[in-house]
Amino acid sequence: MKKIAMIVAMLTVSASGFAASGDVIGTGNQNVTGSLNSSTCAVSFPSDVTLPNITTADYASASLYGLIGNASVSAGNISFNGCTGQNVKVVINSPKQ
């Protein structure tokens, strides 16, 4: 039993010697540039939006991301400040009942 343990230990040491003795192939540098901004976009929404009356049938038959009814509604002015060079996506969700 000791002979087997001794052989396993010797093989492990010799294998680790092969793995650790790698030659350095070369060196390199990587430069990373960028900026850190502490501020984010400011978004302001109107306080109230009045929606037209819709029927439950209109609501039930609306497709995903589709229009409900055929009235146009203005949500007022949604203002984005400090968002220069950034994409803005606005999504309004309502659970279907």
N, C-alpha and C. Protein backbone atom coordinates (compact mmCIF):
# COMPACT_ATOMS: atom_id res chain seq x y z
N MET A 1 0.82 -1.18 0.00
CA MET A 1 0.00 0.00 0.00
C MET A 1 0.87 1.25 0.00
N LYS A 2 1.98 1.22 0.77
CA LYS A 2 2.86 2.37 0.82
C LYS A 2 3.54 2.60 -0.52
N LYS A 3 3.81 1.50 -1.26
CA LYS A 3 4.45 1.64 -2.56
C LYS A 3 3.52 2.36 -3.54
N ILE A 4 2.25 2.03 -3.51
CA ILE A 4 1.29 2.67 -4.41
C ILE A 4 1.16 4.16 -4.06
N ALA A 5 1.09 4.47 -2.78
CA ALA A 5 0.99 5.87 -2.36
C ALA A 5 2.23 6.64 -2.76
N MET A 6 3.39 5.99 -2.65
CA MET A 6 4.65 6.64 -3.01
C MET A 6 4.71 6.90 -4.52
N ILE A 7 4.25 5.94 -5.32
CA ILE A 7 4.25 6.11 -6.78
C ILE A 7 3.29 7.23 -7.19
N VAL A 8 2.11 7.25 -6.58
CA VAL A 8 1.13 8.30 -6.88
C VAL A 8 1.69 9.67 -6.51
N ALA A 9 2.35 9.76 -5.36
CA ALA A 9 2.93 11.04 -4.93
C ALA A 9 4.02 11.49 -5.89
N MET A 10 4.87 10.56 -6.35
CA MET A 10 5.95 10.92 -7.27
C MET A 10 5.39 11.37 -8.62
N LEU A 11 4.35 10.69 -9.11
CA LEU A 11 3.74 11.08 -10.37
C LEU A 11 3.07 12.46 -10.26
N THR A 12 2.46 12.72 -9.12
CA THR A 12 1.82 14.02 -8.91
C THR A 12 2.85 15.13 -8.89
N VAL A 13 3.96 14.92 -8.19
CA VAL A 13 5.01 15.94 -8.13
C VAL A 13 5.62 16.16 -9.51
N SER A 14 5.87 15.09 -10.25
CA SER A 14 6.48 15.27 -11.57
C SER A 14 5.51 15.94 -12.54
N ALA A 15 4.22 15.64 -12.46
CA ALA A 15 3.24 16.28 -13.33
C ALA A 15 3.10 17.75 -13.00
N SER A 16 3.13 18.09 -11.72
CA SER A 16 3.01 19.51 -11.36
C SER A 16 4.25 20.27 -11.79
N GLY A 17 5.39 19.63 -11.82
CA GLY A 17 6.61 20.28 -12.30
C GLY A 17 6.51 20.64 -13.76
N PHE A 18 5.89 19.76 -14.58
CA PHE A 18 5.70 20.07 -15.99
C PHE A 18 4.72 21.23 -16.18
N ALA A 19 3.68 21.25 -15.37
CA ALA A 19 2.67 22.30 -15.51
C ALA A 19 3.20 23.65 -15.06
N ALA A 20 4.10 23.68 -14.10
CA ALA A 20 4.58 24.95 -13.55
C ALA A 20 5.76 25.52 -14.31
N SER A 21 6.39 24.74 -15.17
CA SER A 21 7.61 25.22 -15.80
C SER A 21 7.36 25.81 -17.18
N GLY A 22 6.35 26.64 -17.33
CA GLY A 22 6.07 27.26 -18.62
C GLY A 22 6.97 28.45 -18.86
N ASP A 23 7.41 28.63 -20.11
CA ASP A 23 8.21 29.80 -20.47
C ASP A 23 7.28 30.97 -20.77
N VAL A 24 7.73 32.15 -20.46
CA VAL A 24 6.97 33.35 -20.77
C VAL A 24 7.02 33.56 -22.28
N ILE A 25 5.87 33.64 -22.90
CA ILE A 25 5.81 33.80 -24.35
C ILE A 25 6.03 35.24 -24.75
N GLY A 26 5.50 36.16 -24.00
CA GLY A 26 5.64 37.57 -24.32
C GLY A 26 4.84 38.40 -23.33
N THR A 27 4.92 39.68 -23.49
CA THR A 27 4.16 40.56 -22.63
C THR A 27 3.35 41.52 -23.49
N GLY A 28 2.41 42.17 -22.90
CA GLY A 28 1.60 43.13 -23.63
C GLY A 28 0.97 44.12 -22.69
N ASN A 29 0.48 45.19 -23.25
CA ASN A 29 -0.21 46.21 -22.48
C ASN A 29 -1.59 46.42 -23.06
N GLN A 30 -2.51 46.75 -22.20
CA GLN A 30 -3.86 47.09 -22.64
C GLN A 30 -4.23 48.41 -21.99
N ASN A 31 -4.57 49.38 -22.82
CA ASN A 31 -4.99 50.69 -22.31
C ASN A 31 -6.50 50.78 -22.37
N VAL A 32 -7.10 51.21 -21.28
CA VAL A 32 -8.54 51.38 -21.21
C VAL A 32 -8.81 52.84 -20.95
N THR A 33 -9.62 53.46 -21.80
CA THR A 33 -9.96 54.86 -21.61
C THR A 33 -11.47 54.99 -21.48
N GLY A 34 -11.90 56.00 -20.78
CA GLY A 34 -13.33 56.24 -20.60
C GLY A 34 -13.53 57.30 -19.55
N SER A 35 -14.76 57.56 -19.26
CA SER A 35 -15.06 58.55 -18.23
C SER A 35 -16.15 58.01 -17.32
N LEU A 36 -16.12 58.46 -16.10
CA LEU A 36 -17.14 58.11 -15.13
C LEU A 36 -18.00 59.35 -14.89
N ASN A 37 -19.27 59.18 -15.03
CA ASN A 37 -20.18 60.29 -14.82
C ASN A 37 -20.98 60.05 -13.55
N SER A 38 -21.00 61.02 -12.70
CA SER A 38 -21.73 60.86 -11.45
C SER A 38 -23.21 61.22 -11.60
N SER A 39 -23.57 61.93 -12.64
CA SER A 39 -24.97 62.32 -12.79
C SER A 39 -25.68 61.42 -13.78
N THR A 40 -26.98 61.37 -13.69
CA THR A 40 -27.79 60.59 -14.61
C THR A 40 -28.82 61.52 -15.24
N CYS A 41 -29.60 60.97 -16.12
CA CYS A 41 -30.65 61.76 -16.77
C CYS A 41 -31.71 62.16 -15.75
N ALA A 42 -32.28 63.32 -15.96
CA ALA A 42 -33.42 63.76 -15.16
C ALA A 42 -34.66 63.66 -16.03
N VAL A 43 -35.68 62.99 -15.53
CA VAL A 43 -36.91 62.79 -16.28
C VAL A 43 -38.05 63.39 -15.48
N SER A 44 -38.88 64.18 -16.14
CA SER A 44 -40.06 64.72 -15.46
C SER A 44 -41.31 64.37 -16.27
N PHE A 45 -42.32 63.89 -15.56
CA PHE A 45 -43.59 63.49 -16.16
C PHE A 45 -44.68 64.47 -15.72
N PRO A 46 -45.72 64.59 -16.52
CA PRO A 46 -46.86 65.39 -16.06
C PRO A 46 -47.51 64.70 -14.86
N SER A 47 -48.12 65.47 -14.00
CA SER A 47 -48.67 64.88 -12.78
C SER A 47 -49.91 64.03 -13.05
N ASP A 48 -50.75 64.43 -13.98
CA ASP A 48 -51.98 63.69 -14.26
C ASP A 48 -52.17 63.56 -15.77
N VAL A 49 -52.66 62.41 -16.17
CA VAL A 49 -53.01 62.18 -17.58
C VAL A 49 -54.44 61.65 -17.58
N THR A 50 -55.31 62.29 -18.33
CA THR A 50 -56.70 61.86 -18.42
C THR A 50 -56.85 60.99 -19.66
N LEU A 51 -57.28 59.76 -19.44
CA LEU A 51 -57.48 58.82 -20.54
C LEU A 51 -58.96 58.78 -20.90
N PRO A 52 -59.27 58.52 -22.16
CA PRO A 52 -60.69 58.43 -22.54
C PRO A 52 -61.30 57.14 -22.00
N ASN A 53 -62.61 57.12 -21.92
CA ASN A 53 -63.29 55.90 -21.49
C ASN A 53 -63.15 54.85 -22.59
N ILE A 54 -62.88 53.62 -22.17
CA ILE A 54 -62.81 52.51 -23.11
C ILE A 54 -63.71 51.40 -22.58
N THR A 55 -64.15 50.55 -23.47
CA THR A 55 -65.01 49.44 -23.06
C THR A 55 -64.14 48.25 -22.67
N THR A 56 -64.72 47.37 -21.89
CA THR A 56 -63.98 46.14 -21.53
C THR A 56 -63.75 45.29 -22.77
N ALA A 57 -64.65 45.37 -23.74
CA ALA A 57 -64.46 44.61 -24.99
C ALA A 57 -63.25 45.13 -25.76
N ASP A 58 -63.09 46.47 -25.81
CA ASP A 58 -61.90 47.05 -26.46
C ASP A 58 -60.63 46.59 -25.76
N TYR A 59 -60.67 46.61 -24.44
CA TYR A 59 -59.49 46.23 -23.65
C TYR A 59 -59.16 44.75 -23.84
N ALA A 60 -60.18 43.92 -23.83
CA ALA A 60 -59.98 42.47 -23.97
C ALA A 60 -59.49 42.09 -25.36
N SER A 61 -59.90 42.85 -26.38
CA SER A 61 -59.52 42.49 -27.75
C SER A 61 -58.21 43.13 -28.20
N ALA A 62 -57.60 43.95 -27.37
CA ALA A 62 -56.35 44.61 -27.76
C ALA A 62 -55.22 43.59 -27.81
N SER A 63 -54.40 43.70 -28.84
CA SER A 63 -53.24 42.81 -28.96
C SER A 63 -52.10 43.33 -28.10
N LEU A 64 -51.14 42.48 -27.85
CA LEU A 64 -49.97 42.88 -27.08
C LEU A 64 -49.27 44.01 -27.82
N TYR A 65 -48.99 45.08 -27.13
CA TYR A 65 -48.37 46.30 -27.68
C TYR A 65 -49.28 46.99 -28.70
N GLY A 66 -50.55 46.66 -28.69
CA GLY A 66 -51.47 47.25 -29.64
C GLY A 66 -52.21 48.44 -29.04
N LEU A 67 -53.01 49.06 -29.85
CA LEU A 67 -53.81 50.20 -29.42
C LEU A 67 -55.12 49.72 -28.82
N ILE A 68 -55.60 50.46 -27.85
CA ILE A 68 -56.90 50.17 -27.26
C ILE A 68 -57.84 51.27 -27.72
N GLY A 69 -58.88 50.89 -28.42
CA GLY A 69 -59.80 51.89 -28.93
C GLY A 69 -59.16 52.64 -30.09
N ASN A 70 -59.74 53.78 -30.43
CA ASN A 70 -59.20 54.54 -31.55
C ASN A 70 -59.09 56.03 -31.23
N ALA A 71 -59.03 56.39 -29.97
CA ALA A 71 -58.85 57.80 -29.59
C ALA A 71 -57.37 58.06 -29.35
N SER A 72 -56.92 59.24 -29.75
CA SER A 72 -55.53 59.57 -29.46
C SER A 72 -55.48 60.34 -28.14
N VAL A 73 -54.45 60.08 -27.37
CA VAL A 73 -54.31 60.68 -26.05
C VAL A 73 -52.95 61.33 -25.97
N SER A 74 -52.91 62.50 -25.39
CA SER A 74 -51.63 63.16 -25.15
C SER A 74 -51.27 62.99 -23.68
N ALA A 75 -50.07 62.52 -23.43
CA ALA A 75 -49.60 62.36 -22.06
C ALA A 75 -48.94 63.63 -21.56
N GLY A 76 -49.05 64.70 -22.31
CA GLY A 76 -48.39 65.93 -21.91
C GLY A 76 -46.93 65.89 -22.31
N ASN A 77 -46.15 66.72 -21.70
CA ASN A 77 -44.72 66.79 -22.02
C ASN A 77 -43.93 65.94 -21.04
N ILE A 78 -43.22 64.98 -21.57
CA ILE A 78 -42.27 64.21 -20.78
C ILE A 78 -40.90 64.76 -21.13
N SER A 79 -40.21 65.30 -20.14
CA SER A 79 -38.93 65.98 -20.38
C SER A 79 -37.76 65.13 -19.93
N PHE A 80 -36.74 65.06 -20.77
CA PHE A 80 -35.49 64.37 -20.45
C PHE A 80 -34.38 65.40 -20.48
N ASN A 81 -33.66 65.54 -19.39
CA ASN A 81 -32.56 66.50 -19.31
C ASN A 81 -31.27 65.79 -18.91
N GLY A 82 -30.17 66.17 -19.55
CA GLY A 82 -28.88 65.56 -19.23
C GLY A 82 -28.69 64.19 -19.84
N CYS A 83 -29.43 63.87 -20.87
CA CYS A 83 -29.35 62.55 -21.49
C CYS A 83 -28.61 62.60 -22.83
N THR A 84 -27.78 63.57 -23.04
CA THR A 84 -27.11 63.74 -24.32
C THR A 84 -26.33 62.49 -24.68
N GLY A 85 -26.53 62.01 -25.89
CA GLY A 85 -25.81 60.84 -26.37
C GLY A 85 -26.30 59.52 -25.80
N GLN A 86 -27.45 59.52 -25.15
CA GLN A 86 -27.98 58.29 -24.57
C GLN A 86 -29.33 57.98 -25.19
N ASN A 87 -29.65 56.70 -25.27
CA ASN A 87 -30.96 56.28 -25.77
C ASN A 87 -31.96 56.28 -24.62
N VAL A 88 -33.17 56.67 -24.91
CA VAL A 88 -34.23 56.68 -23.91
C VAL A 88 -35.37 55.84 -24.45
N LYS A 89 -35.85 54.91 -23.63
CA LYS A 89 -36.97 54.06 -24.03
C LYS A 89 -38.06 54.20 -22.97
N VAL A 90 -39.26 54.54 -23.40
CA VAL A 90 -40.39 54.69 -22.49
C VAL A 90 -41.38 53.57 -22.78
N VAL A 91 -41.74 52.80 -21.75
CA VAL A 91 -42.69 51.71 -21.89
C VAL A 91 -43.77 51.89 -20.83
N ILE A 92 -45.01 51.77 -21.24
CA ILE A 92 -46.13 51.85 -20.30
C ILE A 92 -46.79 50.48 -20.28
N ASN A 93 -46.86 49.86 -19.11
CA ASN A 93 -47.43 48.53 -18.98
C ASN A 93 -48.73 48.59 -18.18
N SER A 94 -49.65 47.71 -18.53
CA SER A 94 -50.88 47.55 -17.78
C SER A 94 -51.23 46.07 -17.79
N PRO A 95 -51.45 45.49 -16.64
CA PRO A 95 -51.79 44.06 -16.63
C PRO A 95 -53.16 43.83 -17.25
N LYS A 96 -53.24 42.85 -18.12
CA LYS A 96 -54.52 42.53 -18.76
C LYS A 96 -55.38 41.79 -17.75
N GLN A 97 -56.62 42.21 -17.62
CA GLN A 97 -57.51 41.60 -16.62
C GLN A 97 -58.58 40.79 -17.27
